Amino acid sequence: MQLEIVTPDKSLFKGEVDYIFCPGAHGSFGILNSHAPIIATLKQGEVKIKIAEANAMRYDNELGTLVHDNAVGDELKFSIEGGVVEVKNNRVIVLAE
């Protein structure tokens, strides 16, 4: 499924993932391929993902831009202060603080 994680000032990740684990406001939950459509609020915590393709892009703090440097199967974690996640048609958008 296609994932994009964005904050008000930058895009943290964009690419194909196998799963996403989110810190939901009412409990943590996972998202897999073909998940039912949802919109959910997120609390402070970590969004964890497993990369499904080598051309995924993540934000590099030193470079200040998105870079290609992830391998298939890599797991990444992104700390967030809260936000919203939308899942629809195997596309997931995390709007994070």
PDB file of N, CA and C in Angstrom:
ATOM      1  N   MET A   1       0.841  -1.175   0.000  1.00  0.00           N
ATOM      2  CA  MET A   1       0.000   0.000   0.000  1.00  0.00           C
ATOM      3  C   MET A   1       0.885   1.236   0.000  1.00  0.00           C
ATOM      4  N   GLN A   2       0.371   2.305  -0.537  1.00  0.00           N
ATOM      5  CA  GLN A   2       1.117   3.555  -0.656  1.00  0.00           C
ATOM      6  C   GLN A   2       0.933   4.375   0.617  1.00  0.00           C
ATOM      7  N   LEU A   3       2.030   4.865   1.185  1.00  0.00           N
ATOM      8  CA  LEU A   3       1.985   5.661   2.412  1.00  0.00           C
ATOM      9  C   LEU A   3       2.670   6.997   2.205  1.00  0.00           C
ATOM     10  N   GLU A   4       2.070   8.029   2.769  1.00  0.00           N
ATOM     11  CA  GLU A   4       2.721   9.335   2.842  1.00  0.00           C
ATOM     12  C   GLU A   4       2.536   9.861   4.261  1.00  0.00           C
ATOM     13  N   ILE A   5       3.639  10.277   4.886  1.00  0.00           N
ATOM     14  CA  ILE A   5       3.603  10.887   6.213  1.00  0.00           C
ATOM     15  C   ILE A   5       4.046  12.334   6.046  1.00  0.00           C
ATOM     16  N   VAL A   6       3.158  13.259   6.402  1.00  0.00           N
ATOM     17  CA  VAL A   6       3.468  14.679   6.235  1.00  0.00           C
ATOM     18  C   VAL A   6       3.226  15.445   7.529  1.00  0.00           C
ATOM     19  N   THR A   7       4.017  16.495   7.724  1.00  0.00           N
ATOM     20  CA  THR A   7       3.842  17.432   8.828  1.00  0.00           C
ATOM     21  C   THR A   7       3.526  18.792   8.206  1.00  0.00           C
ATOM     22  N   PRO A   8       3.203  19.792   9.012  1.00  0.00           N
ATOM     23  CA  PRO A   8       2.915  21.108   8.425  1.00  0.00           C
ATOM     24  C   PRO A   8       4.067  21.694   7.605  1.00  0.00           C
ATOM     25  N   ASP A   9       5.314  21.310   7.913  1.00  0.00           N
ATOM     26  CA  ASP A   9       6.446  21.923   7.208  1.00  0.00           C
ATOM     27  C   ASP A   9       7.249  21.001   6.305  1.00  0.00           C
ATOM     28  N   LYS A  10       6.972  19.687   6.314  1.00  0.00           N
ATOM     29  CA  LYS A  10       7.739  18.800   5.434  1.00  0.00           C
ATOM     30  C   LYS A  10       7.057  17.444   5.269  1.00  0.00           C
ATOM     31  N   SER A  11       7.502  16.721   4.252  1.00  0.00           N
ATOM     32  CA  SER A  11       7.077  15.340   4.030  1.00  0.00           C
ATOM     33  C   SER A  11       8.130  14.428   4.645  1.00  0.00           C
ATOM     34  N   LEU A  12       7.722  13.550   5.581  1.00  0.00           N
ATOM     35  CA  LEU A  12       8.667  12.671   6.270  1.00  0.00           C
ATOM     36  C   LEU A  12       8.928  11.370   5.528  1.00  0.00           C
ATOM     37  N   PHE A  13       7.918  10.863   4.804  1.00  0.00           N
ATOM     38  CA  PHE A  13       8.066   9.576   4.124  1.00  0.00           C
ATOM     39  C   PHE A  13       7.071   9.505   2.984  1.00  0.00           C
ATOM     40  N   LYS A  14       7.503   8.841   1.898  1.00  0.00           N
ATOM     41  CA  LYS A  14       6.611   8.581   0.767  1.00  0.00           C
ATOM     42  C   LYS A  14       7.078   7.305   0.101  1.00  0.00           C
ATOM     43  N   GLY A  15       6.192   6.294   0.031  1.00  0.00           N
ATOM     44  CA  GLY A  15       6.569   5.055  -0.619  1.00  0.00           C
ATOM     45  C   GLY A  15       5.621   3.913  -0.313  1.00  0.00           C
ATOM     46  N   GLU A  16       5.970   2.758  -0.841  1.00  0.00           N
ATOM     47  CA  GLU A  16       5.187   1.532  -0.688  1.00  0.00           C
ATOM     48  C   GLU A  16       5.618   0.834   0.596  1.00  0.00           C
ATOM     49  N   VAL A  17       4.641   0.431   1.428  1.00  0.00           N
ATOM     50  CA  VAL A  17       4.937  -0.237   2.696  1.00  0.00           C
ATOM     51  C   VAL A  17       4.117  -1.517   2.830  1.00  0.00           C
ATOM     52  N   ASP A  18       4.634  -2.444   3.660  1.00  0.00           N
ATOM     53  CA  ASP A  18       3.916  -3.684   3.949  1.00  0.00           C
ATOM     54  C   ASP A  18       2.930  -3.509   5.097  1.00  0.00           C
ATOM     55  N   TYR A  19       3.323  -2.721   6.106  1.00  0.00           N
ATOM     56  CA  TYR A  19       2.411  -2.449   7.213  1.00  0.00           C
ATOM     57  C   TYR A  19       2.746  -1.123   7.865  1.00  0.00           C
ATOM     58  N   ILE A  20       1.756  -0.632   8.613  1.00  0.00           N
ATOM     59  CA  ILE A  20       1.892   0.609   9.368  1.00  0.00           C
ATOM     60  C   ILE A  20       1.310   0.343  10.751  1.00  0.00           C
ATOM     61  N   PHE A  21       2.004   0.783  11.789  1.00  0.00           N
ATOM     62  CA  PHE A  21       1.522   0.670  13.163  1.00  0.00           C
ATOM     63  C   PHE A  21       1.381   2.085  13.701  1.00  0.00           C
ATOM     64  N   CYS A  22       0.177   2.443  14.150  1.00  0.00           N
ATOM     65  CA  CYS A  22      -0.118   3.819  14.553  1.00  0.00           C
ATOM     66  C   CYS A  22      -0.525   3.913  16.020  1.00  0.00           C
ATOM     67  N   PRO A  23      -0.139   5.022  16.691  1.00  0.00           N
ATOM     68  CA  PRO A  23      -0.574   5.262  18.068  1.00  0.00           C
ATOM     69  C   PRO A  23      -1.944   5.951  18.078  1.00  0.00           C
ATOM     70  N   GLY A  24      -3.001   5.180  17.974  1.00  0.00           N
ATOM     71  CA  GLY A  24      -4.343   5.746  17.919  1.00  0.00           C
ATOM     72  C   GLY A  24      -4.747   6.412  19.219  1.00  0.00           C
ATOM     73  N   ALA A  25      -5.624   7.403  19.133  1.00  0.00           N
ATOM     74  CA  ALA A  25      -6.095   8.121  20.317  1.00  0.00           C
ATOM     75  C   ALA A  25      -6.817   7.190  21.290  1.00  0.00           C
ATOM     76  N   HIS A  26      -7.402   6.109  20.781  1.00  0.00           N
ATOM     77  CA  HIS A  26      -8.122   5.153  21.625  1.00  0.00           C
ATOM     78  C   HIS A  26      -7.446   3.790  21.641  1.00  0.00           C
ATOM     79  N   GLY A  27      -6.150   3.766  21.383  1.00  0.00           N
ATOM     80  CA  GLY A  27      -5.378   2.528  21.366  1.00  0.00           C
ATOM     81  C   GLY A  27      -4.630   2.362  20.060  1.00  0.00           C
ATOM     82  N   SER A  28      -3.477   1.749  20.138  1.00  0.00           N
ATOM     83  CA  SER A  28      -2.644   1.535  18.949  1.00  0.00           C
ATOM     84  C   SER A  28      -3.300   0.533  18.009  1.00  0.00           C
ATOM     85  N   PHE A  29      -3.015   0.673  16.718  1.00  0.00           N
ATOM     86  CA  PHE A  29      -3.589  -0.247  15.733  1.00  0.00           C
ATOM     87  C   PHE A  29      -2.662  -0.377  14.540  1.00  0.00           C
ATOM     88  N   GLY A  30      -2.831  -1.477  13.814  1.00  0.00           N
ATOM     89  CA  GLY A  30      -2.035  -1.739  12.624  1.00  0.00           C
ATOM     90  C   GLY A  30      -2.876  -1.633  11.366  1.00  0.00           C
ATOM     91  N   ILE A  31      -2.200  -1.326  10.269  1.00  0.00           N
ATOM     92  CA  ILE A  31      -2.854  -1.225   8.965  1.00  0.00           C
ATOM     93  C   ILE A  31      -2.088  -2.108   7.993  1.00  0.00           C
ATOM     94  N   LEU A  32      -2.797  -3.021   7.343  1.00  0.00           N
ATOM     95  CA  LEU A  32      -2.221  -3.892   6.325  1.00  0.00           C
ATOM     96  C   LEU A  32      -2.871  -3.588   4.978  1.00  0.00           C
ATOM     97  N   ASN A  33      -2.341  -4.186   3.930  1.00  0.00           N
ATOM     98  CA  ASN A  33      -2.891  -4.042   2.592  1.00  0.00           C
ATOM     99  C   ASN A  33      -4.377  -4.400   2.592  1.00  0.00           C
ATOM    100  N   SER A  34      -5.171  -3.693   1.821  1.00  0.00           N
ATOM    101  CA  SER A  34      -6.619  -3.907   1.678  1.00  0.00           C
ATOM    102  C   SER A  34      -7.401  -3.620   2.953  1.00  0.00           C
ATOM    103  N   HIS A  35      -6.867  -2.766   3.819  1.00  0.00           N
ATOM    104  CA  HIS A  35      -7.566  -2.373   5.042  1.00  0.00           C
ATOM    105  C   HIS A  35      -8.843  -1.623   4.675  1.00  0.00           C
ATOM    106  N   ALA A  36      -9.865  -1.764   5.493  1.00  0.00           N
ATOM    107  CA  ALA A  36     -11.106  -1.024   5.285  1.00  0.00           C
ATOM    108  C   ALA A  36     -10.842   0.477   5.399  1.00  0.00           C
ATOM    109  N   PRO A  37     -11.600   1.288   4.681  1.00  0.00           N
ATOM    110  CA  PRO A  37     -11.416   2.738   4.778  1.00  0.00           C
ATOM    111  C   PRO A  37     -11.676   3.235   6.205  1.00  0.00           C
ATOM    112  N   ILE A  38     -10.790   4.092   6.705  1.00  0.00           N
ATOM    113  CA  ILE A  38     -10.965   4.688   8.031  1.00  0.00           C
ATOM    114  C   ILE A  38     -10.352   6.085   8.047  1.00  0.00           C
ATOM    115  N   ILE A  39     -10.807   6.867   9.005  1.00  0.00           N
ATOM    116  CA  ILE A  39     -10.143   8.103   9.403  1.00  0.00           C
ATOM    117  C   ILE A  39     -10.060   8.019  10.915  1.00  0.00           C
ATOM    118  N   ALA A  40      -8.853   8.181  11.479  1.00  0.00           N
ATOM    119  CA  ALA A  40      -8.665   8.045  12.919  1.00  0.00           C
ATOM    120  C   ALA A  40      -7.709   9.115  13.432  1.00  0.00           C
ATOM    121  N   THR A  41      -7.927   9.529  14.676  1.00  0.00           N
ATOM    122  CA  THR A  41      -7.011  10.485  15.300  1.00  0.00           C
ATOM    123  C   THR A  41      -5.858   9.730  15.949  1.00  0.00           C
ATOM    124  N   LEU A  42      -4.716  10.386  15.996  1.00  0.00           N
ATOM    125  CA  LEU A  42      -3.507   9.791  16.555  1.00  0.00           C
ATOM    126  C   LEU A  42      -3.050  10.591  17.762  1.00  0.00           C
ATOM    127  N   LYS A  43      -2.451   9.900  18.732  1.00  0.00           N
ATOM    128  CA  LYS A  43      -1.882  10.574  19.899  1.00  0.00           C
ATOM    129  C   LYS A  43      -0.357  10.562  19.783  1.00  0.00           C
ATOM    130  N   GLN A  44       0.300  11.159  20.750  1.00  0.00           N
ATOM    131  CA  GLN A  44       1.761  11.178  20.764  1.00  0.00           C
ATOM    132  C   GLN A  44       2.292   9.751  20.814  1.00  0.00           C
ATOM    133  N   GLY A  45       3.317   9.476  20.018  1.00  0.00           N
ATOM    134  CA  GLY A  45       3.917   8.152  19.983  1.00  0.00           C
ATOM    135  C   GLY A  45       4.729   7.954  18.718  1.00  0.00           C
ATOM    136  N   GLU A  46       4.880   6.690  18.324  1.00  0.00           N
ATOM    137  CA  GLU A  46       5.664   6.362  17.131  1.00  0.00           C
ATOM    138  C   GLU A  46       4.800   5.707  16.068  1.00  0.00           C
ATOM    139  N   VAL A  47       4.962   6.165  14.845  1.00  0.00           N
ATOM    140  CA  VAL A  47       4.395   5.486  13.685  1.00  0.00           C
ATOM    141  C   VAL A  47       5.496   4.566  13.175  1.00  0.00           C
ATOM    142  N   LYS A  48       5.208   3.259  13.122  1.00  0.00           N
ATOM    143  CA  LYS A  48       6.204   2.275  12.681  1.00  0.00           C
ATOM    144  C   LYS A  48       5.767   1.711  11.336  1.00  0.00           C
ATOM    145  N   ILE A  49       6.734   1.559  10.427  1.00  0.00           N
ATOM    146  CA  ILE A  49       6.410   1.048   9.096  1.00  0.00           C
ATOM    147  C   ILE A  49       7.446   0.022   8.650  1.00  0.00           C
ATOM    148  N   LYS A  50       7.034  -0.848   7.729  1.00  0.00           N
ATOM    149  CA  LYS A  50       7.952  -1.789   7.081  1.00  0.00           C
ATOM    150  C   LYS A  50       7.903  -1.506   5.588  1.00  0.00           C
ATOM    151  N   ILE A  51       9.067  -1.200   5.022  1.00  0.00           N
ATOM    152  CA  ILE A  51       9.168  -0.792   3.621  1.00  0.00           C
ATOM    153  C   ILE A  51       8.975  -1.985   2.685  1.00  0.00           C
ATOM    154  N   ALA A  52       8.170  -1.779   1.627  1.00  0.00           N
ATOM    155  CA  ALA A  52       7.860  -2.848   0.679  1.00  0.00           C
ATOM    156  C   ALA A  52       8.619  -2.735  -0.632  1.00  0.00           C
ATOM    157  N   GLU A  53       9.200  -1.566  -0.917  1.00  0.00           N
ATOM    158  CA  GLU A  53       9.942  -1.424  -2.172  1.00  0.00           C
ATOM    159  C   GLU A  53      11.148  -0.521  -1.950  1.00  0.00           C
ATOM    160  N   ALA A  54      12.177  -0.731  -2.736  1.00  0.00           N
ATOM    161  CA  ALA A  54      13.457  -0.055  -2.527  1.00  0.00           C
ATOM    162  C   ALA A  54      13.439   1.429  -2.858  1.00  0.00           C
ATOM    163  N   ASN A  55      12.461   1.911  -3.586  1.00  0.00           N
ATOM    164  CA  ASN A  55      12.494   3.326  -3.963  1.00  0.00           C
ATOM    165  C   ASN A  55      11.690   4.220  -3.027  1.00  0.00           C
ATOM    166  N   ALA A  56      11.398   3.748  -1.817  1.00  0.00           N
ATOM    167  CA  ALA A  56      10.712   4.584  -0.836  1.00  0.00           C
ATOM    168  C   ALA A  56      11.608   5.759  -0.450  1.00  0.00           C
ATOM    169  N   MET A  57      10.988   6.854  -0.062  1.00  0.00           N
ATOM    170  CA  MET A  57      11.745   8.058   0.285  1.00  0.00           C
ATOM    171  C   MET A  57      11.428   8.470   1.718  1.00  0.00           C
ATOM    172  N   ARG A  58      12.468   8.871   2.464  1.00  0.00           N
ATOM    173  CA  ARG A  58      12.266   9.377   3.817  1.00  0.00           C
ATOM    174  C   ARG A  58      12.985  10.707   3.958  1.00  0.00           C
ATOM    175  N   TYR A  59      12.560  11.486   4.942  1.00  0.00           N
ATOM    176  CA  TYR A  59      13.152  12.806   5.162  1.00  0.00           C
ATOM    177  C   TYR A  59      14.500  12.665   5.854  1.00  0.00           C
ATOM    178  N   ASP A  60      15.516  13.326   5.332  1.00  0.00           N
ATOM    179  CA  ASP A  60      16.851  13.344   5.935  1.00  0.00           C
ATOM    180  C   ASP A  60      17.049  14.710   6.591  1.00  0.00           C
ATOM    181  N   ASN A  61      17.190  14.715   7.930  1.00  0.00           N
ATOM    182  CA  ASN A  61      17.326  15.971   8.667  1.00  0.00           C
ATOM    183  C   ASN A  61      18.550  16.765   8.248  1.00  0.00           C
ATOM    184  N   GLU A  62      19.661  16.088   7.982  1.00  0.00           N
ATOM    185  CA  GLU A  62      20.893  16.788   7.609  1.00  0.00           C
ATOM    186  C   GLU A  62      20.773  17.455   6.240  1.00  0.00           C
ATOM    187  N   LEU A  63      20.149  16.761   5.299  1.00  0.00           N
ATOM    188  CA  LEU A  63      20.000  17.305   3.949  1.00  0.00           C
ATOM    189  C   LEU A  63      18.782  18.215   3.812  1.00  0.00           C
ATOM    190  N   GLY A  64      17.812  18.031   4.697  1.00  0.00           N
ATOM    191  CA  GLY A  64      16.606  18.840   4.631  1.00  0.00           C
ATOM    192  C   GLY A  64      15.696  18.500   3.476  1.00  0.00           C
ATOM    193  N   THR A  65      15.734  17.242   3.022  1.00  0.00           N
ATOM    194  CA  THR A  65      14.922  16.831   1.878  1.00  0.00           C
ATOM    195  C   THR A  65      14.639  15.330   1.943  1.00  0.00           C
ATOM    196  N   LEU A  66      13.760  14.848   1.053  1.00  0.00           N
ATOM    197  CA  LEU A  66      13.495  13.417   0.945  1.00  0.00           C
ATOM    198  C   LEU A  66      14.641  12.742   0.210  1.00  0.00           C
ATOM    199  N   VAL A  67      15.034  11.543   0.669  1.00  0.00           N
ATOM    200  CA  VAL A  67      16.125  10.804   0.039  1.00  0.00           C
ATOM    201  C   VAL A  67      15.717   9.351  -0.171  1.00  0.00           C
ATOM    202  N   HIS A  68      16.345   8.697  -1.165  1.00  0.00           N
ATOM    203  CA  HIS A  68      16.172   7.263  -1.417  1.00  0.00           C
ATOM    204  C   HIS A  68      17.339   6.542  -0.752  1.00  0.00           C
ATOM    205  N   ASP A  69      17.111   5.885   0.363  1.00  0.00           N
ATOM    206  CA  ASP A  69      18.202   5.113   0.961  1.00  0.00           C
ATOM    207  C   ASP A  69      17.698   3.952   1.807  1.00  0.00           C
ATOM    208  N   ASN A  70      16.513   3.486   1.514  1.00  0.00           N
ATOM    209  CA  ASN A  70      15.916   2.409   2.288  1.00  0.00           C
ATOM    210  C   ASN A  70      15.889   1.116   1.482  1.00  0.00           C
ATOM    211  N   ALA A  71      15.991   0.008   2.182  1.00  0.00           N
ATOM    212  CA  ALA A  71      15.950  -1.301   1.544  1.00  0.00           C
ATOM    213  C   ALA A  71      14.617  -1.978   1.846  1.00  0.00           C
ATOM    214  N   VAL A  72      14.205  -2.867   0.969  1.00  0.00           N
ATOM    215  CA  VAL A  72      12.992  -3.645   1.191  1.00  0.00           C
ATOM    216  C   VAL A  72      13.130  -4.376   2.520  1.00  0.00           C
ATOM    217  N   GLY A  73      12.092  -4.308   3.332  1.00  0.00           N
ATOM    218  CA  GLY A  73      12.098  -4.968   4.629  1.00  0.00           C
ATOM    219  C   GLY A  73      12.589  -4.096   5.769  1.00  0.00           C
ATOM    220  N   ASP A  74      13.200  -2.947   5.461  1.00  0.00           N
ATOM    221  CA  ASP A  74      13.623  -2.027   6.524  1.00  0.00           C
ATOM    222  C   ASP A  74      12.411  -1.588   7.331  1.00  0.00           C
ATOM    223  N   GLU A  75      12.617  -1.434   8.636  1.00  0.00           N
ATOM    224  CA  GLU A  75      11.584  -0.882   9.498  1.00  0.00           C
ATOM    225  C   GLU A  75      12.016   0.506   9.935  1.00  0.00           C
ATOM    226  N   LEU A  76      11.116   1.455   9.832  1.00  0.00           N
ATOM    227  CA  LEU A  76      11.391   2.829  10.231  1.00  0.00           C
ATOM    228  C   LEU A  76      10.389   3.258  11.289  1.00  0.00           C
ATOM    229  N   LYS A  77      10.810   4.189  12.153  1.00  0.00           N
ATOM    230  CA  LYS A  77       9.938   4.742  13.188  1.00  0.00           C
ATOM    231  C   LYS A  77       9.968   6.262  13.083  1.00  0.00           C
ATOM    232  N   PHE A  78       8.800   6.863  13.224  1.00  0.00           N
ATOM    233  CA  PHE A  78       8.663   8.312  13.183  1.00  0.00           C
ATOM    234  C   PHE A  78       7.930   8.760  14.442  1.00  0.00           C
ATOM    235  N   SER A  79       8.557   9.597  15.249  1.00  0.00           N
ATOM    236  CA  SER A  79       7.917  10.137  16.449  1.00  0.00           C
ATOM    237  C   SER A  79       6.971  11.261  16.052  1.00  0.00           C
ATOM    238  N   ILE A  80       5.753  11.204  16.600  1.00  0.00           N
ATOM    239  CA  ILE A  80       4.768  12.245  16.312  1.00  0.00           C
ATOM    240  C   ILE A  80       4.173  12.750  17.626  1.00  0.00           C
ATOM    241  N   GLU A  81       3.624  13.940  17.582  1.00  0.00           N
ATOM    242  CA  GLU A  81       2.953  14.537  18.744  1.00  0.00           C
ATOM    243  C   GLU A  81       1.447  14.302  18.690  1.00  0.00           C
ATOM    244  N   GLY A  82       0.955  13.830  17.565  1.00  0.00           N
ATOM    245  CA  GLY A  82      -0.466  13.602  17.342  1.00  0.00           C
ATOM    246  C   GLY A  82      -0.757  13.780  15.864  1.00  0.00           C
ATOM    247  N   GLY A  83      -2.035  13.633  15.496  1.00  0.00           N
ATOM    248  CA  GLY A  83      -2.391  13.826  14.103  1.00  0.00           C
ATOM    249  C   GLY A  83      -3.617  13.040  13.694  1.00  0.00           C
ATOM    250  N   VAL A  84      -3.706  12.787  12.385  1.00  0.00           N
ATOM    251  CA  VAL A  84      -4.839  12.076  11.793  1.00  0.00           C
ATOM    252  C   VAL A  84      -4.302  11.124  10.732  1.00  0.00           C
ATOM    253  N   VAL A  85      -4.925   9.952  10.610  1.00  0.00           N
ATOM    254  CA  VAL A  85      -4.577   9.019   9.545  1.00  0.00           C
ATOM    255  C   VAL A  85      -5.837   8.726   8.725  1.00  0.00           C
ATOM    256  N   GLU A  86      -5.668   8.680   7.405  1.00  0.00           N
ATOM    257  CA  GLU A  86      -6.758   8.310   6.506  1.00  0.00           C
ATOM    258  C   GLU A  86      -6.311   7.124   5.671  1.00  0.00           C
ATOM    259  N   VAL A  87      -7.173   6.108   5.594  1.00  0.00           N
ATOM    260  CA  VAL A  87      -6.911   4.919   4.779  1.00  0.00           C
ATOM    261  C   VAL A  87      -8.040   4.789   3.768  1.00  0.00           C
ATOM    262  N   LYS A  88      -7.681   4.686   2.484  1.00  0.00           N
ATOM    263  CA  LYS A  88      -8.693   4.520   1.440  1.00  0.00           C
ATOM    264  C   LYS A  88      -8.023   3.963   0.193  1.00  0.00           C
ATOM    265  N   ASN A  89      -8.554   2.862  -0.327  1.00  0.00           N
ATOM    266  CA  ASN A  89      -8.068   2.252  -1.571  1.00  0.00           C
ATOM    267  C   ASN A  89      -6.564   1.978  -1.557  1.00  0.00           C
ATOM    268  N   ASN A  90      -6.070   1.364  -0.484  1.00  0.00           N
ATOM    269  CA  ASN A  90      -4.646   1.019  -0.334  1.00  0.00           C
ATOM    270  C   ASN A  90      -3.729   2.238  -0.389  1.00  0.00           C
ATOM    271  N   ARG A  91      -4.258   3.384  -0.017  1.00  0.00           N
ATOM    272  CA  ARG A  91      -3.462   4.607   0.105  1.00  0.00           C
ATOM    273  C   ARG A  91      -3.669   5.138   1.522  1.00  0.00           C
ATOM    274  N   VAL A  92      -2.561   5.405   2.208  1.00  0.00           N
ATOM    275  CA  VAL A  92      -2.612   5.879   3.591  1.00  0.00           C
ATOM    276  C   VAL A  92      -1.904   7.226   3.672  1.00  0.00           C
ATOM    277  N   ILE A  93      -2.574   8.179   4.289  1.00  0.00           N
ATOM    278  CA  ILE A  93      -1.972   9.493   4.517  1.00  0.00           C
ATOM    279  C   ILE A  93      -1.988   9.752   6.014  1.00  0.00           C
ATOM    280  N   VAL A  94      -0.807  10.017   6.575  1.00  0.00           N
ATOM    281  CA  VAL A  94      -0.687  10.398   7.979  1.00  0.00           C
ATOM    282  C   VAL A  94      -0.360  11.887   8.009  1.00  0.00           C
ATOM    283  N   LEU A  95      -1.261  12.672   8.601  1.00  0.00           N
ATOM    284  CA  LEU A  95      -1.029  14.097   8.817  1.00  0.00           C
ATOM    285  C   LEU A  95      -0.590  14.224  10.266  1.00  0.00           C
ATOM    286  N   ALA A  96       0.688  14.484  10.482  1.00  0.00           N
ATOM    287  CA  ALA A  96       1.264  14.431  11.823  1.00  0.00           C
ATOM    288  C   ALA A  96       1.738  15.795  12.298  1.00  0.00           C
ATOM    289  N   GLU A  97       1.760  15.931  13.620  1.00  0.00           N
ATOM    290  CA  GLU A  97       2.341  17.118  14.246  1.00  0.00           C
ATOM    291  C   GLU A  97       3.737  16.792  14.708  1.00  0.00           C
TER     292      GLU A  97
END
